[in-house]
Amino acid sequence: MKIHMDMDLTPDEARTLFGLPDVKPMQQAMMAEIESRMKKALTAMEPDAMLKMWLPAGIQGLEQWQKFVWSRVTGAGALTRDTDESKAD
């Protein structure tokens, strides 16, 4: 024997019918926590804070790159002079 029933239920009514717990309060608490954490993260992303955080590292990186390139250029120049001098001998 087969019985077929169609029920028009809302999600809340279906949860109650099957004996599942109401999770709305937990969802609201979690969403409030997520919202507060996102707001804190966004305040850290203000342009002034980002520039203060990134600019010193960017300048140091640029200085290191310049030193590296300069050392390679001056090193290559010395190498070229040495080979020119050995050819002249």
PDB file of N, CA and C in Angstrom:
ATOM      1  N   MET A   1       0.844  -1.161   0.000  1.00  0.00           N
ATOM      2  CA  MET A   1       0.000   0.000   0.000  1.00  0.00           C
ATOM      3  C   MET A   1       0.901   1.239   0.000  1.00  0.00           C
ATOM      4  N   LYS A   2       0.581   2.166  -0.857  1.00  0.00           N
ATOM      5  CA  LYS A   2       1.326   3.414  -0.945  1.00  0.00           C
ATOM      6  C   LYS A   2       0.404   4.558  -0.583  1.00  0.00           C
ATOM      7  N   ILE A   3       0.979   5.474   0.168  1.00  0.00           N
ATOM      8  CA  ILE A   3       0.237   6.689   0.520  1.00  0.00           C
ATOM      9  C   ILE A   3       1.064   7.870   0.030  1.00  0.00           C
ATOM     10  N   HIS A   4       0.421   8.756  -0.660  1.00  0.00           N
ATOM     11  CA  HIS A   4       1.086   9.944  -1.181  1.00  0.00           C
ATOM     12  C   HIS A   4       0.406  11.168  -0.600  1.00  0.00           C
ATOM     13  N   MET A   5       1.193  12.029   0.037  1.00  0.00           N
ATOM     14  CA  MET A   5       0.631  13.248   0.630  1.00  0.00           C
ATOM     15  C   MET A   5       1.399  14.450   0.113  1.00  0.00           C
ATOM     16  N   ASP A   6       0.726  15.487  -0.224  1.00  0.00           N
ATOM     17  CA  ASP A   6       1.327  16.767  -0.578  1.00  0.00           C
ATOM     18  C   ASP A   6       1.047  17.730   0.563  1.00  0.00           C
ATOM     19  N   MET A   7       2.117  18.311   1.099  1.00  0.00           N
ATOM     20  CA  MET A   7       1.950  19.293   2.177  1.00  0.00           C
ATOM     21  C   MET A   7       2.596  20.595   1.748  1.00  0.00           C
ATOM     22  N   ASP A   8       1.902  21.652   1.953  1.00  0.00           N
ATOM     23  CA  ASP A   8       2.417  22.979   1.663  1.00  0.00           C
ATOM     24  C   ASP A   8       2.863  23.587   2.988  1.00  0.00           C
ATOM     25  N   LEU A   9       4.191  23.517   3.246  1.00  0.00           N
ATOM     26  CA  LEU A   9       4.733  23.981   4.521  1.00  0.00           C
ATOM     27  C   LEU A   9       5.829  25.016   4.295  1.00  0.00           C
ATOM     28  N   THR A  10       5.924  25.901   5.238  1.00  0.00           N
ATOM     29  CA  THR A  10       7.063  26.820   5.248  1.00  0.00           C
ATOM     30  C   THR A  10       8.241  26.069   5.871  1.00  0.00           C
ATOM     31  N   PRO A  11       9.462  26.570   5.706  1.00  0.00           N
ATOM     32  CA  PRO A  11      10.603  25.902   6.340  1.00  0.00           C
ATOM     33  C   PRO A  11      10.462  25.793   7.858  1.00  0.00           C
ATOM     34  N   ASP A  12       9.919  26.818   8.514  1.00  0.00           N
ATOM     35  CA  ASP A  12       9.719  26.767   9.968  1.00  0.00           C
ATOM     36  C   ASP A  12       8.731  25.663  10.339  1.00  0.00           C
ATOM     37  N   GLU A  13       7.657  25.565   9.580  1.00  0.00           N
ATOM     38  CA  GLU A  13       6.656  24.523   9.853  1.00  0.00           C
ATOM     39  C   GLU A  13       7.238  23.130   9.617  1.00  0.00           C
ATOM     40  N   ALA A  14       8.067  22.968   8.593  1.00  0.00           N
ATOM     41  CA  ALA A  14       8.672  21.668   8.315  1.00  0.00           C
ATOM     42  C   ALA A  14       9.640  21.276   9.426  1.00  0.00           C
ATOM     43  N   ARG A  15      10.423  22.249   9.918  1.00  0.00           N
ATOM     44  CA  ARG A  15      11.329  21.967  11.031  1.00  0.00           C
ATOM     45  C   ARG A  15      10.566  21.501  12.256  1.00  0.00           C
ATOM     46  N   THR A  16       9.477  22.173  12.555  1.00  0.00           N
ATOM     47  CA  THR A  16       8.666  21.811  13.711  1.00  0.00           C
ATOM     48  C   THR A  16       8.054  20.431  13.514  1.00  0.00           C
ATOM     49  N   LEU A  17       7.574  20.138  12.316  1.00  0.00           N
ATOM     50  CA  LEU A  17       6.955  18.850  12.027  1.00  0.00           C
ATOM     51  C   LEU A  17       7.940  17.696  12.216  1.00  0.00           C
ATOM     52  N   PHE A  18       9.179  17.885  11.769  1.00  0.00           N
ATOM     53  CA  PHE A  18      10.181  16.826  11.873  1.00  0.00           C
ATOM     54  C   PHE A  18      10.951  16.859  13.200  1.00  0.00           C
ATOM     55  N   GLY A  19      10.663  17.831  14.050  1.00  0.00           N
ATOM     56  CA  GLY A  19      11.308  17.899  15.355  1.00  0.00           C
ATOM     57  C   GLY A  19      12.719  18.446  15.331  1.00  0.00           C
ATOM     58  N   LEU A  20      13.059  19.219  14.317  1.00  0.00           N
ATOM     59  CA  LEU A  20      14.397  19.811  14.225  1.00  0.00           C
ATOM     60  C   LEU A  20      14.453  21.088  15.059  1.00  0.00           C
ATOM     61  N   PRO A  21      15.624  21.429  15.572  1.00  0.00           N
ATOM     62  CA  PRO A  21      15.730  22.621  16.418  1.00  0.00           C
ATOM     63  C   PRO A  21      15.615  23.910  15.601  1.00  0.00           C
ATOM     64  N   ASP A  22      15.190  24.958  16.262  1.00  0.00           N
ATOM     65  CA  ASP A  22      15.115  26.280  15.650  1.00  0.00           C
ATOM     66  C   ASP A  22      16.506  26.914  15.731  1.00  0.00           C
ATOM     67  N   VAL A  23      17.105  27.173  14.600  1.00  0.00           N
ATOM     68  CA  VAL A  23      18.473  27.683  14.568  1.00  0.00           C
ATOM     69  C   VAL A  23      18.544  29.187  14.287  1.00  0.00           C
ATOM     70  N   LYS A  24      17.409  29.849  14.215  1.00  0.00           N
ATOM     71  CA  LYS A  24      17.418  31.285  13.928  1.00  0.00           C
ATOM     72  C   LYS A  24      18.217  32.100  14.943  1.00  0.00           C
ATOM     73  N   PRO A  25      18.044  31.873  16.254  1.00  0.00           N
ATOM     74  CA  PRO A  25      18.836  32.664  17.204  1.00  0.00           C
ATOM     75  C   PRO A  25      20.343  32.468  17.026  1.00  0.00           C
ATOM     76  N   MET A  26      20.764  31.236  16.765  1.00  0.00           N
ATOM     77  CA  MET A  26      22.187  30.978  16.547  1.00  0.00           C
ATOM     78  C   MET A  26      22.673  31.664  15.265  1.00  0.00           C
ATOM     79  N   GLN A  27      21.872  31.599  14.209  1.00  0.00           N
ATOM     80  CA  GLN A  27      22.240  32.248  12.953  1.00  0.00           C
ATOM     81  C   GLN A  27      22.352  33.757  13.131  1.00  0.00           C
ATOM     82  N   GLN A  28      21.434  34.351  13.861  1.00  0.00           N
ATOM     83  CA  GLN A  28      21.477  35.794  14.093  1.00  0.00           C
ATOM     84  C   GLN A  28      22.707  36.181  14.903  1.00  0.00           C
ATOM     85  N   ALA A  29      23.043  35.378  15.925  1.00  0.00           N
ATOM     86  CA  ALA A  29      24.235  35.663  16.730  1.00  0.00           C
ATOM     87  C   ALA A  29      25.501  35.541  15.887  1.00  0.00           C
ATOM     88  N   MET A  30      25.565  34.512  15.052  1.00  0.00           N
ATOM     89  CA  MET A  30      26.736  34.328  14.197  1.00  0.00           C
ATOM     90  C   MET A  30      26.856  35.450  13.168  1.00  0.00           C
ATOM     91  N   MET A  31      25.754  35.864  12.603  1.00  0.00           N
ATOM     92  CA  MET A  31      25.790  36.957  11.629  1.00  0.00           C
ATOM     93  C   MET A  31      26.222  38.263  12.280  1.00  0.00           C
ATOM     94  N   ALA A  32      25.776  38.497  13.505  1.00  0.00           N
ATOM     95  CA  ALA A  32      26.202  39.703  14.223  1.00  0.00           C
ATOM     96  C   ALA A  32      27.704  39.660  14.490  1.00  0.00           C
ATOM     97  N   GLU A  33      28.231  38.502  14.851  1.00  0.00           N
ATOM     98  CA  GLU A  33      29.674  38.346  15.100  1.00  0.00           C
ATOM     99  C   GLU A  33      30.476  38.547  13.815  1.00  0.00           C
ATOM    100  N   ILE A  34      30.001  37.962  12.726  1.00  0.00           N
ATOM    101  CA  ILE A  34      30.677  38.125  11.435  1.00  0.00           C
ATOM    102  C   ILE A  34      30.674  39.582  11.014  1.00  0.00           C
ATOM    103  N   GLU A  35      29.540  40.252  11.213  1.00  0.00           N
ATOM    104  CA  GLU A  35      29.433  41.664  10.850  1.00  0.00           C
ATOM    105  C   GLU A  35      30.401  42.517  11.660  1.00  0.00           C
ATOM    106  N   SER A  36      30.511  42.258  12.954  1.00  0.00           N
ATOM    107  CA  SER A  36      31.431  43.055  13.782  1.00  0.00           C
ATOM    108  C   SER A  36      32.879  42.804  13.372  1.00  0.00           C
ATOM    109  N   ARG A  37      33.230  41.563  13.053  1.00  0.00           N
ATOM    110  CA  ARG A  37      34.601  41.272  12.617  1.00  0.00           C
ATOM    111  C   ARG A  37      34.916  41.917  11.272  1.00  0.00           C
ATOM    112  N   MET A  38      33.946  41.927  10.369  1.00  0.00           N
ATOM    113  CA  MET A  38      34.155  42.567   9.074  1.00  0.00           C
ATOM    114  C   MET A  38      34.345  44.070   9.228  1.00  0.00           C
ATOM    115  N   LYS A  39      33.579  44.684  10.127  1.00  0.00           N
ATOM    116  CA  LYS A  39      33.727  46.116  10.361  1.00  0.00           C
ATOM    117  C   LYS A  39      35.104  46.439  10.923  1.00  0.00           C
ATOM    118  N   LYS A  40      35.600  45.597  11.838  1.00  0.00           N
ATOM    119  CA  LYS A  40      36.945  45.802  12.385  1.00  0.00           C
ATOM    120  C   LYS A  40      37.997  45.673  11.293  1.00  0.00           C
ATOM    121  N   ALA A  41      37.824  44.697  10.415  1.00  0.00           N
ATOM    122  CA  ALA A  41      38.777  44.498   9.325  1.00  0.00           C
ATOM    123  C   ALA A  41      38.736  45.660   8.346  1.00  0.00           C
ATOM    124  N   LEU A  42      37.555  46.209   8.107  1.00  0.00           N
ATOM    125  CA  LEU A  42      37.442  47.336   7.181  1.00  0.00           C
ATOM    126  C   LEU A  42      38.079  48.596   7.742  1.00  0.00           C
ATOM    127  N   THR A  43      38.020  48.789   9.059  1.00  0.00           N
ATOM    128  CA  THR A  43      38.674  49.969   9.627  1.00  0.00           C
ATOM    129  C   THR A  43      40.182  49.861   9.482  1.00  0.00           C
ATOM    130  N   ALA A  44      40.707  48.641   9.480  1.00  0.00           N
ATOM    131  CA  ALA A  44      42.138  48.450   9.260  1.00  0.00           C
ATOM    132  C   ALA A  44      42.503  48.679   7.799  1.00  0.00           C
ATOM    133  N   MET A  45      41.522  48.660   6.919  1.00  0.00           N
ATOM    134  CA  MET A  45      41.770  48.840   5.498  1.00  0.00           C
ATOM    135  C   MET A  45      41.588  50.287   5.041  1.00  0.00           C
ATOM    136  N   GLU A  46      41.576  51.219   5.966  1.00  0.00           N
ATOM    137  CA  GLU A  46      41.460  52.618   5.578  1.00  0.00           C
ATOM    138  C   GLU A  46      42.723  53.019   4.819  1.00  0.00           C
ATOM    139  N   PRO A  47      42.603  53.927   3.871  1.00  0.00           N
ATOM    140  CA  PRO A  47      43.759  54.303   3.054  1.00  0.00           C
ATOM    141  C   PRO A  47      44.964  54.770   3.865  1.00  0.00           C
ATOM    142  N   ASP A  48      44.741  55.558   4.906  1.00  0.00           N
ATOM    143  CA  ASP A  48      45.865  56.027   5.719  1.00  0.00           C
ATOM    144  C   ASP A  48      46.601  54.870   6.376  1.00  0.00           C
ATOM    145  N   ALA A  49      45.848  53.943   6.950  1.00  0.00           N
ATOM    146  CA  ALA A  49      46.465  52.794   7.615  1.00  0.00           C
ATOM    147  C   ALA A  49      47.200  51.914   6.610  1.00  0.00           C
ATOM    148  N   MET A  50      46.615  51.744   5.428  1.00  0.00           N
ATOM    149  CA  MET A  50      47.255  50.913   4.416  1.00  0.00           C
ATOM    150  C   MET A  50      48.558  51.538   3.936  1.00  0.00           C
ATOM    151  N   LEU A  51      48.564  52.848   3.720  1.00  0.00           N
ATOM    152  CA  LEU A  51      49.793  53.511   3.283  1.00  0.00           C
ATOM    153  C   LEU A  51      50.881  53.413   4.337  1.00  0.00           C
ATOM    154  N   LYS A  52      50.506  53.606   5.598  1.00  0.00           N
ATOM    155  CA  LYS A  52      51.496  53.502   6.669  1.00  0.00           C
ATOM    156  C   LYS A  52      52.065  52.091   6.751  1.00  0.00           C
ATOM    157  N   MET A  53      51.218  51.121   6.483  1.00  0.00           N
ATOM    158  CA  MET A  53      51.651  49.732   6.588  1.00  0.00           C
ATOM    159  C   MET A  53      52.502  49.330   5.373  1.00  0.00           C
ATOM    160  N   TRP A  54      52.129  49.753   4.176  1.00  0.00           N
ATOM    161  CA  TRP A  54      52.792  49.303   2.966  1.00  0.00           C
ATOM    162  C   TRP A  54      53.961  50.174   2.546  1.00  0.00           C
ATOM    163  N   LEU A  55      53.903  51.451   2.794  1.00  0.00           N
ATOM    164  CA  LEU A  55      54.901  52.364   2.261  1.00  0.00           C
ATOM    165  C   LEU A  55      56.306  52.072   2.764  1.00  0.00           C
ATOM    166  N   PRO A  56      56.541  51.897   4.049  1.00  0.00           N
ATOM    167  CA  PRO A  56      57.907  51.609   4.468  1.00  0.00           C
ATOM    168  C   PRO A  56      58.465  50.338   3.821  1.00  0.00           C
ATOM    169  N   ALA A  57      57.677  49.311   3.713  1.00  0.00           N
ATOM    170  CA  ALA A  57      58.145  48.069   3.091  1.00  0.00           C
ATOM    171  C   ALA A  57      58.415  48.294   1.604  1.00  0.00           C
ATOM    172  N   GLY A  58      57.582  49.093   0.954  1.00  0.00           N
ATOM    173  CA  GLY A  58      57.774  49.370  -0.464  1.00  0.00           C
ATOM    174  C   GLY A  58      59.039  50.151  -0.722  1.00  0.00           C
ATOM    175  N   ILE A  59      59.315  51.115   0.131  1.00  0.00           N
ATOM    176  CA  ILE A  59      60.531  51.918  -0.028  1.00  0.00           C
ATOM    177  C   ILE A  59      61.760  51.063   0.229  1.00  0.00           C
ATOM    178  N   GLN A  60      61.719  50.236   1.260  1.00  0.00           N
ATOM    179  CA  GLN A  60      62.855  49.360   1.550  1.00  0.00           C
ATOM    180  C   GLN A  60      63.100  48.391   0.401  1.00  0.00           C
ATOM    181  N   GLY A  61      62.028  47.863  -0.152  1.00  0.00           N
ATOM    182  CA  GLY A  61      62.175  46.952  -1.283  1.00  0.00           C
ATOM    183  C   GLY A  61      62.784  47.653  -2.489  1.00  0.00           C
ATOM    184  N   LEU A  62      62.370  48.886  -2.732  1.00  0.00           N
ATOM    185  CA  LEU A  62      62.915  49.656  -3.837  1.00  0.00           C
ATOM    186  C   LEU A  62      64.395  49.933  -3.621  1.00  0.00           C
ATOM    187  N   GLU A  63      64.763  50.302  -2.392  1.00  0.00           N
ATOM    188  CA  GLU A  63      66.172  50.555  -2.085  1.00  0.00           C
ATOM    189  C   GLU A  63      67.012  49.294  -2.272  1.00  0.00           C
ATOM    190  N   GLN A  64      66.498  48.165  -1.829  1.00  0.00           N
ATOM    191  CA  GLN A  64      67.227  46.912  -2.004  1.00  0.00           C
ATOM    192  C   GLN A  64      67.394  46.583  -3.482  1.00  0.00           C
ATOM    193  N   TRP A  65      66.370  46.820  -4.268  1.00  0.00           N
ATOM    194  CA  TRP A  65      66.455  46.561  -5.707  1.00  0.00           C
ATOM    195  C   TRP A  65      67.500  47.466  -6.352  1.00  0.00           C
ATOM    196  N   GLN A  66      67.506  48.745  -5.966  1.00  0.00           N
ATOM    197  CA  GLN A  66      68.499  49.668  -6.515  1.00  0.00           C
ATOM    198  C   GLN A  66      69.916  49.231  -6.149  1.00  0.00           C
ATOM    199  N   LYS A  67      70.127  48.817  -4.902  1.00  0.00           N
ATOM    200  CA  LYS A  67      71.451  48.348  -4.488  1.00  0.00           C
ATOM    201  C   LYS A  67      71.862  47.115  -5.282  1.00  0.00           C
ATOM    202  N   PHE A  68      70.918  46.192  -5.491  1.00  0.00           N
ATOM    203  CA  PHE A  68      71.216  44.990  -6.256  1.00  0.00           C
ATOM    204  C   PHE A  68      71.623  45.341  -7.683  1.00  0.00           C
ATOM    205  N   VAL A  69      70.806  46.183  -8.329  1.00  0.00           N
ATOM    206  CA  VAL A  69      71.104  46.556  -9.717  1.00  0.00           C
ATOM    207  C   VAL A  69      72.433  47.295  -9.794  1.00  0.00           C
ATOM    208  N   TRP A  70      72.673  48.213  -8.869  1.00  0.00           N
ATOM    209  CA  TRP A  70      73.910  48.988  -8.878  1.00  0.00           C
ATOM    210  C   TRP A  70      75.124  48.077  -8.669  1.00  0.00           C
ATOM    211  N   SER A  71      74.985  47.099  -7.771  1.00  0.00           N
ATOM    212  CA  SER A  71      76.106  46.185  -7.544  1.00  0.00           C
ATOM    213  C   SER A  71      76.378  45.343  -8.782  1.00  0.00           C
ATOM    214  N   ARG A  72      75.337  44.957  -9.504  1.00  0.00           N
ATOM    215  CA  ARG A  72      75.534  44.176 -10.725  1.00  0.00           C
ATOM    216  C   ARG A  72      76.153  45.033 -11.826  1.00  0.00           C
ATOM    217  N   VAL A  73      75.727  46.282 -11.920  1.00  0.00           N
ATOM    218  CA  VAL A  73      76.262  47.174 -12.953  1.00  0.00           C
ATOM    219  C   VAL A  73      77.728  47.465 -12.678  1.00  0.00           C
ATOM    220  N   THR A  74      78.046  47.809 -11.444  1.00  0.00           N
ATOM    221  CA  THR A  74      79.450  48.105 -11.121  1.00  0.00           C
ATOM    222  C   THR A  74      80.291  46.843 -11.186  1.00  0.00           C
ATOM    223  N   GLY A  75      79.741  45.715 -10.823  1.00  0.00           N
ATOM    224  CA  GLY A  75      80.471  44.451 -10.925  1.00  0.00           C
ATOM    225  C   GLY A  75      80.712  44.075 -12.375  1.00  0.00           C
ATOM    226  N   ALA A  76      79.743  44.298 -13.230  1.00  0.00           N
ATOM    227  CA  ALA A  76      79.889  43.995 -14.655  1.00  0.00           C
ATOM    228  C   ALA A  76      80.898  44.924 -15.293  1.00  0.00           C
ATOM    229  N   GLY A  77      80.930  46.187 -14.854  1.00  0.00           N
ATOM    230  CA  GLY A  77      81.903  47.141 -15.388  1.00  0.00           C
ATOM    231  C   GLY A  77      83.313  46.740 -15.023  1.00  0.00           C
ATOM    232  N   ALA A  78      83.518  46.278 -13.793  1.00  0.00           N
ATOM    233  CA  ALA A  78      84.847  45.843 -13.373  1.00  0.00           C
ATOM    234  C   ALA A  78      85.262  44.602 -14.153  1.00  0.00           C
ATOM    235  N   LEU A  79      84.351  43.709 -14.421  1.00  0.00           N
ATOM    236  CA  LEU A  79      84.643  42.503 -15.174  1.00  0.00           C
ATOM    237  C   LEU A  79      85.034  42.856 -16.602  1.00  0.00           C
ATOM    238  N   THR A  80      84.352  43.821 -17.203  1.00  0.00           N
ATOM    239  CA  THR A  80      84.660  44.248 -18.571  1.00  0.00           C
ATOM    240  C   THR A  80      86.037  44.882 -18.626  1.00  0.00           C
ATOM    241  N   ARG A  81      86.383  45.721 -17.631  1.00  0.00           N
ATOM    242  CA  ARG A  81      87.691  46.362 -17.593  1.00  0.00           C
ATOM    243  C   ARG A  81      88.793  45.315 -17.461  1.00  0.00           C
ATOM    244  N   ASP A  82      88.561  44.282 -16.644  1.00  0.00           N
ATOM    245  CA  ASP A  82      89.567  43.243 -16.456  1.00  0.00           C
ATOM    246  C   ASP A  82      89.816  42.490 -17.755  1.00  0.00           C
ATOM    247  N   THR A  83      88.786  42.178 -18.509  1.00  0.00           N
ATOM    248  CA  THR A  83      88.968  41.441 -19.758  1.00  0.00           C
ATOM    249  C   THR A  83      89.613  42.323 -20.808  1.00  0.00           C
ATOM    250  N   ASP A  84      89.312  43.635 -20.811  1.00  0.00           N
ATOM    251  CA  ASP A  84      89.933  44.557 -21.759  1.00  0.00           C
ATOM    252  C   ASP A  84      91.424  44.678 -21.477  1.00  0.00           C
ATOM    253  N   GLU A  85      91.797  44.746 -20.205  1.00  0.00           N
ATOM    254  CA  GLU A  85      93.192  44.876 -19.816  1.00  0.00           C
ATOM    255  C   GLU A  85      93.978  43.612 -20.167  1.00  0.00           C
ATOM    256  N   SER A  86      93.359  42.456 -20.000  1.00  0.00           N
ATOM    257  CA  SER A  86      94.062  41.198 -20.319  1.00  0.00           C
ATOM    258  C   SER A  86      94.240  41.053 -21.824  1.00  0.00           C
ATOM    259  N   LYS A  87      93.329  41.592 -22.645  1.00  0.00           N
ATOM    260  CA  LYS A  87      93.476  41.548 -24.089  1.00  0.00           C
ATOM    261  C   LYS A  87      94.602  42.474 -24.548  1.00  0.00           C
ATOM    262  N   ALA A  88      94.772  43.606 -23.831  1.00  0.00           N
ATOM    263  CA  ALA A  88      95.805  44.582 -24.212  1.00  0.00           C
ATOM    264  C   ALA A  88      97.195  44.017 -23.940  1.00  0.00           C
ATOM    265  N   ASP A  89      97.353  43.117 -22.974  1.00  0.00           N
ATOM    266  CA  ASP A  89      98.662  42.563 -22.632  1.00  0.00           C
ATOM    267  C   ASP A  89      99.125  41.572 -23.616  1.00  0.00           C
TER     268      ASP A  89
END
